[in-house]
Amino acid sequence: MIEQVERFNELATAINDNISQVIIGKEEVVEKLLICLCAQGHVLIEDVPGIGKTTLVSALAKSLDLDFKRIQFTVDLMPSDITGFNMYHPKRGEFIFQKGAIMTHMVLADEINRSSPKTQSALLEVMSEYQVSVDGQTYHLPKPFMVLATQNAIEYLGTFPLPEAQLDRFLMKIKLGYPLAQEEMEILELDSLDRIEHNLKTLLSIDEVLWMQQQVPKVECADSIKKYIVNLLNATRNHPDLTVGASPRAGQMLLKASKAKALLKGRSYVVVDDVKSLVLDVLAHRMSANQEVNIRDILSDIMSKVEAPK
């Protein structure tokens, strides 16, 4: 599998270098975005306005030769705007399905938490089963398919909390964070929209993206590391400060993400550090606490106590 790993790395590096022309100093965030893409997962990006969430997603979309649509979530957005609807055609005397914005390869769900839970729920079937159901008829989405959602912190006015079932559909929940002073000096005069339009290249075809996704399941993972993941999951379920621990699906997502990271690091096998580096981003948003505690701190404490394989 050496040739496949080298080819995978070549494609991933090309995307990373392309995005870095617009996104300054966020190599780790870009890597997590690539992990989600290759692991066929969706990603939720949460941070304050103006930090570059939408720019990051747009830069990734421009790098790939995939159909891309942006849905601006607002309080008046309807579920049918997302999934589509049947419209009566007088001349043909029948109802014709009008595709919703979700019928594409890559979707930017911008400020997803500004819409009501009813509208947010329109994404549940889409994100888990890659299909939409309208009036009893099922329509399959094209492959590859990925939802990249952004949301402002819940404390901001006009936002609704995402339901637990919605959060569970995201492989990762990540934050960009503020740039360092030196990075911000470079950002001050950076015209991101102009660079995306004129500087970024479209690098990967649909077939190449699908090929990268097909390599992830081939990555090997020792039973000792799988046992480590299971022990982490069990520790969250038995922690006194957590009312909801990590589910089996969360474990599956953690393993898949770890395999994708191994490939990005030039390996055909998973090591413990792959798992450890992704635990917070993959598990934290899927759990609930019974008091005002930081779930990421709890996970860090669990990792320090659960013995990892040598």
C-alpha atoms as a PDB file:
ATOM      1  CA  MET A   1       0.000   0.000   0.000  1.00  0.00           C
ATOM      2  CA  ILE A   2       3.073   2.227  -0.105  1.00  0.00           C
ATOM      3  CA  GLU A   3       2.210   3.693  -3.500  1.00  0.00           C
ATOM      4  CA  GLN A   4      -1.342   4.485  -2.393  1.00  0.00           C
ATOM      5  CA  VAL A   5      -0.105   6.256   0.743  1.00  0.00           C
ATOM      6  CA  GLU A   6       2.338   8.347  -1.288  1.00  0.00           C
ATOM      7  CA  ARG A   7      -0.360   9.280  -3.808  1.00  0.00           C
ATOM      8  CA  PHE A   8      -2.788  10.111  -0.993  1.00  0.00           C
ATOM      9  CA  ASN A   9      -0.189  12.386   0.593  1.00  0.00           C
ATOM     10  CA  GLU A  10       0.522  14.076  -2.725  1.00  0.00           C
ATOM     11  CA  LEU A  11      -3.151  14.965  -3.230  1.00  0.00           C
ATOM     12  CA  ALA A  12      -3.665  16.077   0.378  1.00  0.00           C
ATOM     13  CA  THR A  13      -0.563  18.277   0.298  1.00  0.00           C
ATOM     14  CA  ALA A  14      -1.761  19.952  -2.886  1.00  0.00           C
ATOM     15  CA  ILE A  15      -5.097  20.841  -1.265  1.00  0.00           C
ATOM     16  CA  ASN A  16      -3.398  22.060   1.917  1.00  0.00           C
ATOM     17  CA  ASP A  17      -0.983  24.302  -0.015  1.00  0.00           C
ATOM     18  CA  ASN A  18      -3.846  25.709  -2.054  1.00  0.00           C
ATOM     19  CA  ILE A  19      -5.948  26.597   0.986  1.00  0.00           C
ATOM     20  CA  SER A  20      -2.958  28.110   2.813  1.00  0.00           C
ATOM     21  CA  GLN A  21      -2.947  30.952   0.268  1.00  0.00           C
ATOM     22  CA  VAL A  22      -6.140  32.218   1.903  1.00  0.00           C
ATOM     23  CA  ILE A  23      -6.153  30.750   5.417  1.00  0.00           C
ATOM     24  CA  ILE A  24      -3.094  31.915   7.342  1.00  0.00           C
ATOM     25  CA  GLY A  25      -1.635  29.910  10.231  1.00  0.00           C
ATOM     26  CA  LYS A  26      -4.397  27.318  10.592  1.00  0.00           C
ATOM     27  CA  GLU A  27      -2.595  24.189   9.389  1.00  0.00           C
ATOM     28  CA  GLU A  28      -4.083  22.013  12.124  1.00  0.00           C
ATOM     29  CA  VAL A  29      -7.622  23.153  11.310  1.00  0.00           C
ATOM     30  CA  VAL A  30      -7.105  22.493   7.595  1.00  0.00           C
ATOM     31  CA  GLU A  31      -5.794  19.020   8.440  1.00  0.00           C
ATOM     32  CA  LYS A  32      -8.956  18.256  10.438  1.00  0.00           C
ATOM     33  CA  LEU A  33     -11.068  19.445   7.520  1.00  0.00           C
ATOM     34  CA  LEU A  34      -9.208  17.047   5.214  1.00  0.00           C
ATOM     35  CA  ILE A  35      -9.677  14.228   7.722  1.00  0.00           C
ATOM     36  CA  CYS A  36     -13.440  14.801   7.658  1.00  0.00           C
ATOM     37  CA  LEU A  37     -13.470  14.897   3.855  1.00  0.00           C
ATOM     38  CA  CYS A  38     -11.489  11.663   3.509  1.00  0.00           C
ATOM     39  CA  ALA A  39     -13.398   9.885   6.282  1.00  0.00           C
ATOM     40  CA  GLN A  40     -16.713  10.795   4.603  1.00  0.00           C
ATOM     41  CA  GLY A  41     -17.743  12.837   7.621  1.00  0.00           C
ATOM     42  CA  HIS A  42     -19.424  16.183   8.159  1.00  0.00           C
ATOM     43  CA  VAL A  43     -17.846  19.014  10.118  1.00  0.00           C
ATOM     44  CA  LEU A  44     -19.228  21.766  12.353  1.00  0.00           C
ATOM     45  CA  ILE A  45     -17.102  24.894  12.741  1.00  0.00           C
ATOM     46  CA  GLU A  46     -17.998  27.065  15.718  1.00  0.00           C
ATOM     47  CA  ASP A  47     -16.475  30.422  16.575  1.00  0.00           C
ATOM     48  CA  VAL A  48     -17.157  34.124  16.808  1.00  0.00           C
ATOM     49  CA  PRO A  49     -18.149  36.051  13.638  1.00  0.00           C
ATOM     50  CA  GLY A  50     -15.375  37.324  11.383  1.00  0.00           C
ATOM     51  CA  ILE A  51     -12.842  34.634  12.232  1.00  0.00           C
ATOM     52  CA  GLY A  52     -12.781  33.061   8.745  1.00  0.00           C
ATOM     53  CA  LYS A  53     -15.184  30.118   9.001  1.00  0.00           C
ATOM     54  CA  THR A  54     -16.939  30.718   5.687  1.00  0.00           C
ATOM     55  CA  THR A  55     -13.671  31.599   3.944  1.00  0.00           C
ATOM     56  CA  LEU A  56     -12.145  28.290   5.035  1.00  0.00           C
ATOM     57  CA  VAL A  57     -15.038  26.264   3.632  1.00  0.00           C
ATOM     58  CA  SER A  58     -15.089  28.262   0.393  1.00  0.00           C
ATOM     59  CA  ALA A  59     -11.352  27.687  -0.083  1.00  0.00           C
ATOM     60  CA  LEU A  60     -11.799  23.923   0.301  1.00  0.00           C
ATOM     61  CA  ALA A  61     -14.709  23.921  -2.139  1.00  0.00           C
ATOM     62  CA  LYS A  62     -12.704  25.860  -4.736  1.00  0.00           C
ATOM     63  CA  SER A  63      -9.893  23.293  -4.439  1.00  0.00           C
ATOM     64  CA  LEU A  64     -12.194  20.430  -5.441  1.00  0.00           C
ATOM     65  CA  ASP A  65     -14.027  19.929  -8.739  1.00  0.00           C
ATOM     66  CA  LEU A  66     -17.310  19.248  -6.943  1.00  0.00           C
ATOM     67  CA  ASP A  67     -20.719  20.886  -7.157  1.00  0.00           C
ATOM     68  CA  PHE A  68     -20.905  23.336  -4.262  1.00  0.00           C
ATOM     69  CA  LYS A  69     -23.846  25.233  -2.798  1.00  0.00           C
ATOM     70  CA  ARG A  70     -24.218  27.585   0.119  1.00  0.00           C
ATOM     71  CA  ILE A  71     -27.344  27.685   2.253  1.00  0.00           C
ATOM     72  CA  GLN A  72     -27.676  30.758   4.452  1.00  0.00           C
ATOM     73  CA  PHE A  73     -29.641  29.585   7.471  1.00  0.00           C
ATOM     74  CA  THR A  74     -32.139  32.178   8.714  1.00  0.00           C
ATOM     75  CA  VAL A  75     -35.230  32.110  10.904  1.00  0.00           C
ATOM     76  CA  ASP A  76     -37.512  32.009   7.837  1.00  0.00           C
ATOM     77  CA  LEU A  77     -35.690  29.190   6.036  1.00  0.00           C
ATOM     78  CA  MET A  78     -38.090  26.287   5.409  1.00  0.00           C
ATOM     79  CA  PRO A  79     -37.228  22.555   5.406  1.00  0.00           C
ATOM     80  CA  SER A  80     -38.443  22.330   1.784  1.00  0.00           C
ATOM     81  CA  ASP A  81     -35.840  24.941   0.808  1.00  0.00           C
ATOM     82  CA  ILE A  82     -33.240  22.402   1.856  1.00  0.00           C
ATOM     83  CA  THR A  83     -34.692  19.061   0.755  1.00  0.00           C
ATOM     84  CA  GLY A  84     -36.826  20.135  -2.205  1.00  0.00           C
ATOM     85  CA  PHE A  85     -40.558  19.859  -2.891  1.00  0.00           C
ATOM     86  CA  ASN A  86     -43.108  18.646  -5.428  1.00  0.00           C
ATOM     87  CA  MET A  87     -44.692  21.294  -7.652  1.00  0.00           C
ATOM     88  CA  TYR A  88     -47.731  20.686  -9.830  1.00  0.00           C
ATOM     89  CA  HIS A  89     -47.066  21.061 -13.567  1.00  0.00           C
ATOM     90  CA  PRO A  90     -50.376  22.076 -15.269  1.00  0.00           C
ATOM     91  CA  LYS A  91     -49.356  21.171 -18.835  1.00  0.00           C
ATOM     92  CA  ARG A  92     -48.055  17.730 -17.847  1.00  0.00           C
ATOM     93  CA  GLY A  93     -50.826  17.190 -15.311  1.00  0.00           C
ATOM     94  CA  GLU A  94     -48.450  15.818 -12.680  1.00  0.00           C
ATOM     95  CA  PHE A  95     -46.241  16.841  -9.782  1.00  0.00           C
ATOM     96  CA  ILE A  96     -42.565  17.446 -10.593  1.00  0.00           C
ATOM     97  CA  PHE A  97     -39.839  17.254  -7.969  1.00  0.00           C
ATOM     98  CA  GLN A  98     -37.953  20.504  -7.538  1.00  0.00           C
ATOM     99  CA  LYS A  99     -34.502  19.818  -6.141  1.00  0.00           C
ATOM    100  CA  GLY A 100     -33.532  21.521  -2.901  1.00  0.00           C
ATOM    101  CA  ALA A 101     -30.193  23.150  -2.232  1.00  0.00           C
ATOM    102  CA  ILE A 102     -28.930  19.988  -0.540  1.00  0.00           C
ATOM    103  CA  MET A 103     -28.832  18.031  -3.817  1.00  0.00           C
ATOM    104  CA  THR A 104     -25.155  18.647  -4.485  1.00  0.00           C
ATOM    105  CA  HIS A 105     -21.713  17.283  -3.545  1.00  0.00           C
ATOM    106  CA  MET A 106     -20.656  19.840  -0.961  1.00  0.00           C
ATOM    107  CA  VAL A 107     -22.916  22.081   1.102  1.00  0.00           C
ATOM    108  CA  LEU A 108     -21.996  25.050   3.251  1.00  0.00           C
ATOM    109  CA  ALA A 109     -24.688  25.339   5.925  1.00  0.00           C
ATOM    110  CA  ASP A 110     -23.788  28.864   6.964  1.00  0.00           C
ATOM    111  CA  GLU A 111     -24.792  29.939  10.488  1.00  0.00           C
ATOM    112  CA  ILE A 112     -26.798  26.746  10.886  1.00  0.00           C
ATOM    113  CA  ASN A 113     -27.962  27.655  14.377  1.00  0.00           C
ATOM    114  CA  ARG A 114     -29.853  30.737  13.179  1.00  0.00           C
ATOM    115  CA  SER A 115     -32.687  28.509  11.929  1.00  0.00           C
ATOM    116  CA  SER A 116     -35.287  26.781  14.054  1.00  0.00           C
ATOM    117  CA  PRO A 117     -34.807  23.164  15.183  1.00  0.00           C
ATOM    118  CA  LYS A 118     -37.568  22.162  12.727  1.00  0.00           C
ATOM    119  CA  THR A 119     -35.510  23.430   9.805  1.00  0.00           C
ATOM    120  CA  GLN A 120     -32.287  22.009  11.205  1.00  0.00           C
ATOM    121  CA  SER A 121     -33.961  18.588  11.397  1.00  0.00           C
ATOM    122  CA  ALA A 122     -34.285  18.569   7.598  1.00  0.00           C
ATOM    123  CA  LEU A 123     -30.593  17.661   7.548  1.00  0.00           C
ATOM    124  CA  LEU A 124     -30.885  14.568   9.760  1.00  0.00           C
ATOM    125  CA  GLU A 125     -31.766  12.046   7.042  1.00  0.00           C
ATOM    126  CA  VAL A 126     -29.475  13.758   4.561  1.00  0.00           C
ATOM    127  CA  MET A 127     -26.391  13.577   6.771  1.00  0.00           C
ATOM    128  CA  SER A 128     -26.851  10.004   7.985  1.00  0.00           C
ATOM    129  CA  GLU A 129     -28.376   8.217   4.993  1.00  0.00           C
ATOM    130  CA  TYR A 130     -27.297  10.471   2.096  1.00  0.00           C
ATOM    131  CA  GLN A 131     -30.849  10.754   0.782  1.00  0.00           C
ATOM    132  CA  VAL A 132     -33.952  12.905   1.093  1.00  0.00           C
ATOM    133  CA  SER A 133     -37.561  11.759   1.332  1.00  0.00           C
ATOM    134  CA  VAL A 134     -40.298  13.994  -0.090  1.00  0.00           C
ATOM    135  CA  ASP A 135     -43.940  12.889  -0.126  1.00  0.00           C
ATOM    136  CA  GLY A 136     -42.946   9.254   0.263  1.00  0.00           C
ATOM    137  CA  GLN A 137     -40.397   9.330  -2.567  1.00  0.00           C
ATOM    138  CA  THR A 138     -36.684   8.857  -1.859  1.00  0.00           C
ATOM    139  CA  TYR A 139     -33.990  10.756  -3.759  1.00  0.00           C
ATOM    140  CA  HIS A 140     -30.343   9.803  -3.380  1.00  0.00           C
ATOM    141  CA  LEU A 141     -27.612  12.402  -3.132  1.00  0.00           C
ATOM    142  CA  PRO A 142     -24.549  12.415  -5.383  1.00  0.00           C
ATOM    143  CA  LYS A 143     -21.247  11.021  -4.137  1.00  0.00           C
ATOM    144  CA  PRO A 144     -19.113  12.286  -2.573  1.00  0.00           C
ATOM    145  CA  PHE A 145     -21.334  14.312  -0.253  1.00  0.00           C
ATOM    146  CA  MET A 146     -20.294  16.505   2.655  1.00  0.00           C
ATOM    147  CA  VAL A 147     -21.944  19.088   4.896  1.00  0.00           C
ATOM    148  CA  LEU A 148     -19.709  21.821   6.275  1.00  0.00           C
ATOM    149  CA  ALA A 149     -21.671  23.859   8.786  1.00  0.00           C
ATOM    150  CA  THR A 150     -20.700  27.024  10.605  1.00  0.00           C
ATOM    151  CA  GLN A 151     -22.312  28.358  13.734  1.00  0.00           C
ATOM    152  CA  ASN A 152     -21.846  31.297  16.049  1.00  0.00           C
ATOM    153  CA  ALA A 153     -21.539  30.731  19.782  1.00  0.00           C
ATOM    154  CA  ILE A 154     -24.934  29.975  21.325  1.00  0.00           C
ATOM    155  CA  GLU A 155     -24.687  33.081  23.502  1.00  0.00           C
ATOM    156  CA  TYR A 156     -25.224  35.283  20.437  1.00  0.00           C
ATOM    157  CA  LEU A 157     -28.694  36.734  19.854  1.00  0.00           C
ATOM    158  CA  GLY A 158     -30.936  34.969  17.341  1.00  0.00           C
ATOM    159  CA  THR A 159     -29.363  31.535  17.686  1.00  0.00           C
ATOM    160  CA  PHE A 160     -30.934  28.159  18.507  1.00  0.00           C
ATOM    161  CA  PRO A 161     -29.061  25.255  20.105  1.00  0.00           C
ATOM    162  CA  LEU A 162     -28.508  22.295  17.779  1.00  0.00           C
ATOM    163  CA  PRO A 163     -30.424  19.174  18.892  1.00  0.00           C
ATOM    164  CA  GLU A 164     -28.344  16.257  20.171  1.00  0.00           C
ATOM    165  CA  ALA A 165     -29.345  14.136  17.174  1.00  0.00           C
ATOM    166  CA  GLN A 166     -28.095  16.876  14.842  1.00  0.00           C
ATOM    167  CA  LEU A 167     -24.777  17.247  16.653  1.00  0.00           C
ATOM    168  CA  ASP A 168     -24.230  13.497  16.495  1.00  0.00           C
ATOM    169  CA  ARG A 169     -24.271  13.645  12.687  1.00  0.00           C
ATOM    170  CA  PHE A 170     -21.052  15.696  12.646  1.00  0.00           C
ATOM    171  CA  LEU A 171     -17.801  13.774  12.656  1.00  0.00           C
ATOM    172  CA  MET A 172     -16.017  16.737  14.253  1.00  0.00           C
ATOM    173  CA  LYS A 173     -16.800  20.026  15.910  1.00  0.00           C
ATOM    174  CA  ILE A 174     -13.832  22.371  15.657  1.00  0.00           C
ATOM    175  CA  LYS A 175     -12.874  25.971  16.374  1.00  0.00           C
ATOM    176  CA  LEU A 176     -10.565  28.255  14.423  1.00  0.00           C
ATOM    177  CA  GLY A 177      -9.506  30.568  17.226  1.00  0.00           C
ATOM    178  CA  TYR A 178      -7.979  34.021  16.865  1.00  0.00           C
ATOM    179  CA  PRO A 179      -4.771  34.328  14.803  1.00  0.00           C
ATOM    180  CA  LEU A 180      -1.388  35.074  16.325  1.00  0.00           C
ATOM    181  CA  ALA A 181      -0.186  38.678  16.119  1.00  0.00           C
ATOM    182  CA  GLN A 182       2.251  37.988  13.282  1.00  0.00           C
ATOM    183  CA  GLU A 183      -0.398  36.054  11.346  1.00  0.00           C
ATOM    184  CA  GLU A 184      -2.887  38.873  11.794  1.00  0.00           C
ATOM    185  CA  MET A 185      -0.373  41.356  10.380  1.00  0.00           C
ATOM    186  CA  GLU A 186      -0.477  39.330   7.173  1.00  0.00           C
ATOM    187  CA  ILE A 187      -4.271  38.978   7.276  1.00  0.00           C
ATOM    188  CA  LEU A 188      -4.903  42.750   7.605  1.00  0.00           C
ATOM    189  CA  GLU A 189      -4.371  43.456   3.913  1.00  0.00           C
ATOM    190  CA  LEU A 190      -5.463  40.057   2.647  1.00  0.00           C
ATOM    191  CA  ASP A 191      -8.424  40.110   0.255  1.00  0.00           C
ATOM    192  CA  SER A 192      -9.678  36.576   0.820  1.00  0.00           C
ATOM    193  CA  LEU A 193     -12.531  36.715  -1.682  1.00  0.00           C
ATOM    194  CA  ASP A 194     -10.253  37.952  -4.443  1.00  0.00           C
ATOM    195  CA  ARG A 195      -7.678  35.256  -3.725  1.00  0.00           C
ATOM    196  CA  ILE A 196     -10.310  32.508  -3.731  1.00  0.00           C
ATOM    197  CA  GLU A 197     -11.621  33.776  -7.046  1.00  0.00           C
ATOM    198  CA  HIS A 198      -8.315  34.354  -8.837  1.00  0.00           C
ATOM    199  CA  ASN A 199      -5.487  32.563  -7.006  1.00  0.00           C
ATOM    200  CA  LEU A 200      -6.902  29.245  -5.885  1.00  0.00           C
ATOM    201  CA  LYS A 201      -6.808  26.368  -8.344  1.00  0.00           C
ATOM    202  CA  THR A 202      -9.285  23.530  -8.768  1.00  0.00           C
ATOM    203  CA  LEU A 203      -7.074  20.531  -8.100  1.00  0.00           C
ATOM    204  CA  LEU A 204      -8.986  17.309  -7.448  1.00  0.00           C
ATOM    205  CA  SER A 205     -11.654  15.677  -9.596  1.00  0.00           C
ATOM    206  CA  ILE A 206     -14.645  13.751  -8.267  1.00  0.00           C
ATOM    207  CA  ASP A 207     -12.876  10.450  -8.972  1.00  0.00           C
ATOM    208  CA  GLU A 208      -9.789  11.551  -7.049  1.00  0.00           C
ATOM    209  CA  VAL A 209     -11.835  12.562  -4.005  1.00  0.00           C
ATOM    210  CA  LEU A 210     -13.666   9.223  -4.095  1.00  0.00           C
ATOM    211  CA  TRP A 211     -10.327   7.421  -4.431  1.00  0.00           C
ATOM    212  CA  MET A 212      -8.992   9.156  -1.306  1.00  0.00           C
ATOM    213  CA  GLN A 213     -12.096   8.138   0.613  1.00  0.00           C
ATOM    214  CA  GLN A 214     -11.704   4.541  -0.535  1.00  0.00           C
ATOM    215  CA  GLN A 215      -8.185   4.341   0.934  1.00  0.00           C
ATOM    216  CA  VAL A 216      -9.263   5.084   4.522  1.00  0.00           C
ATOM    217  CA  PRO A 217     -10.894   1.686   5.300  1.00  0.00           C
ATOM    218  CA  LYS A 218      -7.716  -0.049   4.074  1.00  0.00           C
ATOM    219  CA  VAL A 219      -5.626   1.447   6.898  1.00  0.00           C
ATOM    220  CA  GLU A 220      -4.727  -1.134   9.536  1.00  0.00           C
ATOM    221  CA  CYS A 221      -5.503  -0.710  13.230  1.00  0.00           C
ATOM    222  CA  ALA A 222      -4.226  -3.114  15.892  1.00  0.00           C
ATOM    223  CA  ASP A 223      -6.707  -4.697  18.292  1.00  0.00           C
ATOM    224  CA  SER A 224      -4.869  -3.078  21.198  1.00  0.00           C
ATOM    225  CA  ILE A 225      -5.702   0.381  19.801  1.00  0.00           C
ATOM    226  CA  LYS A 226      -9.321  -0.603  19.146  1.00  0.00           C
ATOM    227  CA  LYS A 227      -9.475  -1.794  22.773  1.00  0.00           C
ATOM    228  CA  TYR A 228      -8.085   1.579  23.847  1.00  0.00           C
ATOM    229  CA  ILE A 229     -10.903   3.350  21.982  1.00  0.00           C
ATOM    230  CA  VAL A 230     -13.482   1.083  23.652  1.00  0.00           C
ATOM    231  CA  ASN A 231     -11.976   1.803  27.078  1.00  0.00           C
ATOM    232  CA  LEU A 232     -12.216   5.542  26.415  1.00  0.00           C
ATOM    233  CA  LEU A 233     -15.880   5.172  25.434  1.00  0.00           C
ATOM    234  CA  ASN A 234     -16.665   3.157  28.550  1.00  0.00           C
ATOM    235  CA  ALA A 235     -14.906   5.719  30.739  1.00  0.00           C
ATOM    236  CA  THR A 236     -17.181   8.475  29.427  1.00  0.00           C
ATOM    237  CA  ARG A 237     -20.268   6.364  30.164  1.00  0.00           C
ATOM    238  CA  ASN A 238     -19.214   5.797  33.768  1.00  0.00           C
ATOM    239  CA  HIS A 239     -17.970   9.303  34.563  1.00  0.00           C
ATOM    240  CA  PRO A 240     -19.964  10.911  37.426  1.00  0.00           C
ATOM    241  CA  ASP A 241     -20.099  14.350  35.762  1.00  0.00           C
ATOM    242  CA  LEU A 242     -21.459  13.085  32.430  1.00  0.00           C
ATOM    243  CA  THR A 243     -25.125  12.299  31.878  1.00  0.00           C
ATOM    244  CA  VAL A 244     -24.590  11.064  28.318  1.00  0.00           C
ATOM    245  CA  GLY A 245     -21.383   9.298  27.362  1.00  0.00           C
ATOM    246  CA  ALA A 246     -19.968   8.492  23.951  1.00  0.00           C
ATOM    247  CA  SER A 247     -22.047   6.126  21.800  1.00  0.00           C
ATOM    248  CA  PRO A 248     -20.818   3.188  19.682  1.00  0.00           C
ATOM    249  CA  ARG A 249     -21.253   5.437  16.637  1.00  0.00           C
ATOM    250  CA  ALA A 250     -18.850   7.910  18.252  1.00  0.00           C
ATOM    251  CA  GLY A 251     -16.294   5.103  18.512  1.00  0.00           C
ATOM    252  CA  GLN A 252     -16.750   4.223  14.858  1.00  0.00           C
ATOM    253  CA  MET A 253     -16.238   7.858  13.891  1.00  0.00           C
ATOM    254  CA  LEU A 254     -13.112   8.107  16.059  1.00  0.00           C
ATOM    255  CA  LEU A 255     -11.584   5.026  14.432  1.00  0.00           C
ATOM    256  CA  LYS A 256     -12.401   6.231  10.915  1.00  0.00           C
ATOM    257  CA  ALA A 257     -10.940   9.681  11.616  1.00  0.00           C
ATOM    258  CA  SER A 258      -7.804   8.095  13.104  1.00  0.00           C
ATOM    259  CA  LYS A 259      -7.316   6.047   9.943  1.00  0.00           C
ATOM    260  CA  ALA A 260      -7.637   9.157   7.784  1.00  0.00           C
ATOM    261  CA  LYS A 261      -5.100  10.965   9.968  1.00  0.00           C
ATOM    262  CA  ALA A 262      -2.668   8.048   9.650  1.00  0.00           C
ATOM    263  CA  LEU A 263      -2.784   8.426   5.865  1.00  0.00           C
ATOM    264  CA  LEU A 264      -2.202  12.169   6.117  1.00  0.00           C
ATOM    265  CA  LYS A 265       0.883  11.391   8.217  1.00  0.00           C
ATOM    266  CA  GLY A 266       2.181   9.001   5.553  1.00  0.00           C
ATOM    267  CA  ARG A 267       1.301   5.717   7.293  1.00  0.00           C
ATOM    268  CA  SER A 268      -0.889   2.734   6.409  1.00  0.00           C
ATOM    269  CA  TYR A 269      -1.511   1.934  10.075  1.00  0.00           C
ATOM    270  CA  VAL A 270      -2.951   3.767  13.091  1.00  0.00           C
ATOM    271  CA  VAL A 271      -0.849   4.700  16.134  1.00  0.00           C
ATOM    272  CA  VAL A 272      -2.144   5.750  19.541  1.00  0.00           C
ATOM    273  CA  ASP A 273      -1.253   9.401  18.963  1.00  0.00           C
ATOM    274  CA  ASP A 274      -3.628   9.480  15.980  1.00  0.00           C
ATOM    275  CA  VAL A 275      -6.481   8.580  18.314  1.00  0.00           C
ATOM    276  CA  LYS A 276      -5.422  10.893  21.137  1.00  0.00           C
ATOM    277  CA  SER A 277      -5.150  13.908  18.842  1.00  0.00           C
ATOM    278  CA  LEU A 278      -8.763  13.515  17.681  1.00  0.00           C
ATOM    279  CA  VAL A 279     -10.619  12.490  20.851  1.00  0.00           C
ATOM    280  CA  LEU A 280     -11.674  16.016  21.840  1.00  0.00           C
ATOM    281  CA  ASP A 281     -12.919  17.055  18.403  1.00  0.00           C
ATOM    282  CA  VAL A 282     -14.774  13.794  17.692  1.00  0.00           C
ATOM    283  CA  LEU A 283     -16.303  13.012  21.092  1.00  0.00           C
ATOM    284  CA  ALA A 284     -16.887  16.241  23.050  1.00  0.00           C
ATOM    285  CA  HIS A 285     -19.930  17.525  21.126  1.00  0.00           C
ATOM    286  CA  ARG A 286     -21.684  14.137  21.430  1.00  0.00           C
ATOM    287  CA  MET A 287     -21.799  14.107  25.227  1.00  0.00           C
ATOM    288  CA  SER A 288     -23.734  15.943  27.928  1.00  0.00           C
ATOM    289  CA  ALA A 289     -22.788  16.975  31.466  1.00  0.00           C
ATOM    290  CA  ASN A 290     -25.000  17.238  34.530  1.00  0.00           C
ATOM    291  CA  GLN A 291     -23.549  20.538  35.679  1.00  0.00           C
ATOM    292  CA  GLU A 292     -21.469  23.491  34.512  1.00  0.00           C
ATOM    293  CA  VAL A 293     -18.318  21.578  33.660  1.00  0.00           C
ATOM    294  CA  ASN A 294     -16.087  21.615  30.603  1.00  0.00           C
ATOM    295  CA  ILE A 295     -16.567  18.360  28.713  1.00  0.00           C
ATOM    296  CA  ARG A 296     -13.237  18.738  26.928  1.00  0.00           C
ATOM    297  CA  ASP A 297     -11.517  18.980  30.324  1.00  0.00           C
ATOM    298  CA  ILE A 298     -13.272  15.796  31.408  1.00  0.00           C
ATOM    299  CA  LEU A 299     -12.100  14.022  28.253  1.00  0.00           C
ATOM    300  CA  SER A 300      -8.536  15.203  28.826  1.00  0.00           C
ATOM    301  CA  ASP A 301      -8.717  13.810  32.355  1.00  0.00           C
ATOM    302  CA  ILE A 302     -10.090  10.499  31.079  1.00  0.00           C
ATOM    303  CA  MET A 303      -7.248  10.201  28.550  1.00  0.00           C
ATOM    304  CA  SER A 304      -4.710  10.759  31.326  1.00  0.00           C
ATOM    305  CA  LYS A 305      -6.210   7.879  33.313  1.00  0.00           C
ATOM    306  CA  VAL A 306      -7.051   5.290  30.649  1.00  0.00           C
ATOM    307  CA  GLU A 307      -3.940   3.259  29.906  1.00  0.00           C
ATOM    308  CA  ALA A 308      -2.824   3.468  26.300  1.00  0.00           C
ATOM    309  CA  PRO A 309      -1.115   0.574  24.502  1.00  0.00           C
ATOM    310  CA  LYS A 310       2.631   0.796  24.141  1.00  0.00           C
END
